[in-house]
């Protein structure tokens, strides 16, 4: 690959860097071959994405953010579900305790009807 610049009205060859890229003063980028195509490269040698590649990268980044948000939402929903299950378990335990207390009260009342003091048993 060859490139030229005009210097004092004369075409001058542009020297390639170590990677074989040619520096464009006008663009402020290197030009080089990547995947058999002429592509732009930054000063530090990174490939400049094409508009299609940039759009794809943006779309993928947005999809990744959406997936992360959905994951966070799922985790929050799981925490809420676990808290609700804990609340229901506590409520069930209280209900069972109340039923046990009522059963003891009924038994004590029945024993009193029979003339038996439940506290002496």
Protein backbone atom coordinates (compact mmCIF):
# COMPACT_ATOMS: atom_id res chain seq x y z
CA UNK A 1 0.00 0.00 0.00
CA UNK A 2 1.27 3.45 -0.89
CA UNK A 3 0.17 6.92 0.04
CA UNK A 4 1.26 10.37 -0.98
CA UNK A 5 1.05 13.89 0.32
CA UNK A 6 1.66 17.15 -1.50
CA UNK A 7 4.60 19.08 -0.11
CA UNK A 8 5.57 22.34 -1.85
CA UNK A 9 3.60 21.32 -4.92
CA UNK A 10 5.30 17.95 -5.19
CA UNK A 11 3.92 14.53 -4.33
CA UNK A 12 5.90 12.93 -1.54
CA UNK A 13 5.53 9.29 -0.49
CA UNK A 14 4.19 8.75 3.03
CA UNK A 15 6.31 6.37 5.09
CA UNK A 16 4.43 3.50 6.71
CA UNK A 17 4.71 2.83 10.44
CA UNK A 18 5.75 -0.53 11.94
CA UNK A 19 2.30 -2.01 11.27
CA UNK A 20 2.37 -0.83 7.67
CA UNK A 21 -0.18 1.94 8.28
CA UNK A 22 0.03 5.33 6.59
CA UNK A 23 -0.58 8.52 8.59
CA UNK A 24 -3.12 10.99 7.18
CA UNK A 25 -2.57 14.55 8.40
CA UNK A 26 -5.95 15.55 6.98
CA UNK A 27 -7.85 12.86 8.89
CA UNK A 28 -5.64 12.62 11.95
CA UNK A 29 -5.81 8.85 11.53
CA UNK A 30 -3.78 6.02 10.12
CA UNK A 31 -4.92 4.17 7.02
CA UNK A 32 -4.19 0.49 6.74
CA UNK A 33 -5.43 -2.85 5.53
CA UNK A 34 -7.52 -4.94 7.91
CA UNK A 35 -9.38 -8.05 6.82
CA UNK A 36 -8.48 -7.20 3.20
CA UNK A 37 -10.19 -3.80 3.48
CA UNK A 38 -8.85 -0.26 3.72
CA UNK A 39 -9.63 0.87 7.26
CA UNK A 40 -8.88 3.74 9.63
CA UNK A 41 -6.82 3.34 12.80
CA UNK A 42 -6.36 5.67 15.75
CA UNK A 43 -3.01 7.11 16.80
CA UNK A 44 -2.58 4.21 19.24
CA UNK A 45 -3.40 1.65 16.53
CA UNK A 46 -6.99 0.80 17.44
CA UNK A 47 -9.34 0.01 14.57
CA UNK A 48 -11.94 2.72 13.99
CA UNK A 49 -15.30 0.98 13.65
CA UNK A 50 -17.37 1.48 10.52
CA UNK A 51 -20.78 3.11 11.02
CA UNK A 52 -22.36 -0.36 10.85
CA UNK A 53 -19.90 -1.75 13.40
CA UNK A 54 -20.44 1.26 15.68
CA UNK A 55 -24.22 0.81 15.45
CA UNK A 56 -23.88 -2.89 16.24
CA UNK A 57 -21.62 -2.10 19.22
CA UNK A 58 -24.12 0.47 20.51
CA UNK A 59 -27.00 -1.95 20.09
CA UNK A 60 -25.08 -4.70 21.89
CA UNK A 61 -24.13 -2.30 24.70
CA UNK A 62 -27.79 -1.27 25.09
CA UNK A 63 -28.87 -4.91 25.08
CA UNK A 64 -26.24 -5.69 27.73
CA UNK A 65 -27.48 -2.81 29.90
CA UNK A 66 -31.05 -4.02 29.46
CA UNK A 67 -30.04 -7.57 30.43
CA UNK A 68 -28.23 -6.26 33.50
CA UNK A 69 -31.28 -4.20 34.50
CA UNK A 70 -33.52 -7.24 34.02
CA UNK A 71 -31.13 -9.31 36.14
CA UNK A 72 -31.22 -6.70 38.91
CA UNK A 73 -35.01 -6.58 38.70
CA UNK A 74 -35.19 -10.37 38.90
CA UNK A 75 -32.90 -10.36 41.93
CA UNK A 76 -35.06 -7.70 43.63
CA UNK A 77 -38.21 -9.70 42.84
CA UNK A 78 -36.55 -12.80 44.30
CA UNK A 79 -35.68 -10.90 47.49
CA UNK A 80 -39.27 -9.63 47.75
CA UNK A 81 -40.59 -13.15 47.22
CA UNK A 82 -38.29 -14.51 49.93
CA UNK A 83 -39.39 -11.75 52.33
CA UNK A 84 -43.03 -12.52 51.57
CA UNK A 85 -42.41 -16.21 52.22
CA UNK A 86 -40.73 -15.35 55.53
CA UNK A 87 -43.68 -13.13 56.46
CA UNK A 88 -46.13 -15.91 55.61
CA UNK A 89 -44.09 -18.44 57.61
CA UNK A 90 -44.13 -16.12 60.65
CA UNK A 91 -47.85 -15.55 60.19
CA UNK A 92 -48.41 -19.31 59.96
CA UNK A 93 -46.35 -19.87 63.12
CA UNK A 94 -48.39 -17.23 64.97
CA UNK A 95 -51.62 -18.80 63.72
CA UNK A 96 -50.51 -22.25 64.89
CA UNK A 97 -49.49 -20.82 68.26
CA UNK A 98 -52.89 -19.12 68.59
CA UNK A 99 -54.69 -22.35 67.64
CA UNK A 100 -52.64 -24.23 70.22
CA UNK A 101 -53.52 -21.62 72.87
CA UNK A 102 -57.22 -21.84 71.99
CA UNK A 103 -57.10 -25.64 72.14
CA UNK A 104 -55.53 -25.44 75.61
CA UNK A 105 -58.23 -22.97 76.67
CA UNK A 106 -60.98 -25.30 75.42
CA UNK A 107 -59.39 -28.26 77.20
CA UNK A 108 -59.05 -26.25 80.41
CA UNK A 109 -62.71 -25.15 80.14
CA UNK A 110 -63.83 -28.75 79.59
CA UNK A 111 -61.80 -29.91 82.60
CA UNK A 112 -63.40 -27.16 84.73
CA UNK A 113 -66.86 -28.34 83.56
CA UNK A 114 -65.92 -31.77 84.83
CA UNK A 115 -64.86 -30.27 88.14
CA UNK A 116 -61.16 -30.72 87.55
CA UNK A 117 -58.75 -27.89 88.16
CA UNK A 118 -56.51 -27.87 85.04
CA UNK A 119 -53.65 -26.27 86.95
CA UNK A 120 -53.34 -29.22 89.33
CA UNK A 121 -52.85 -31.76 86.59
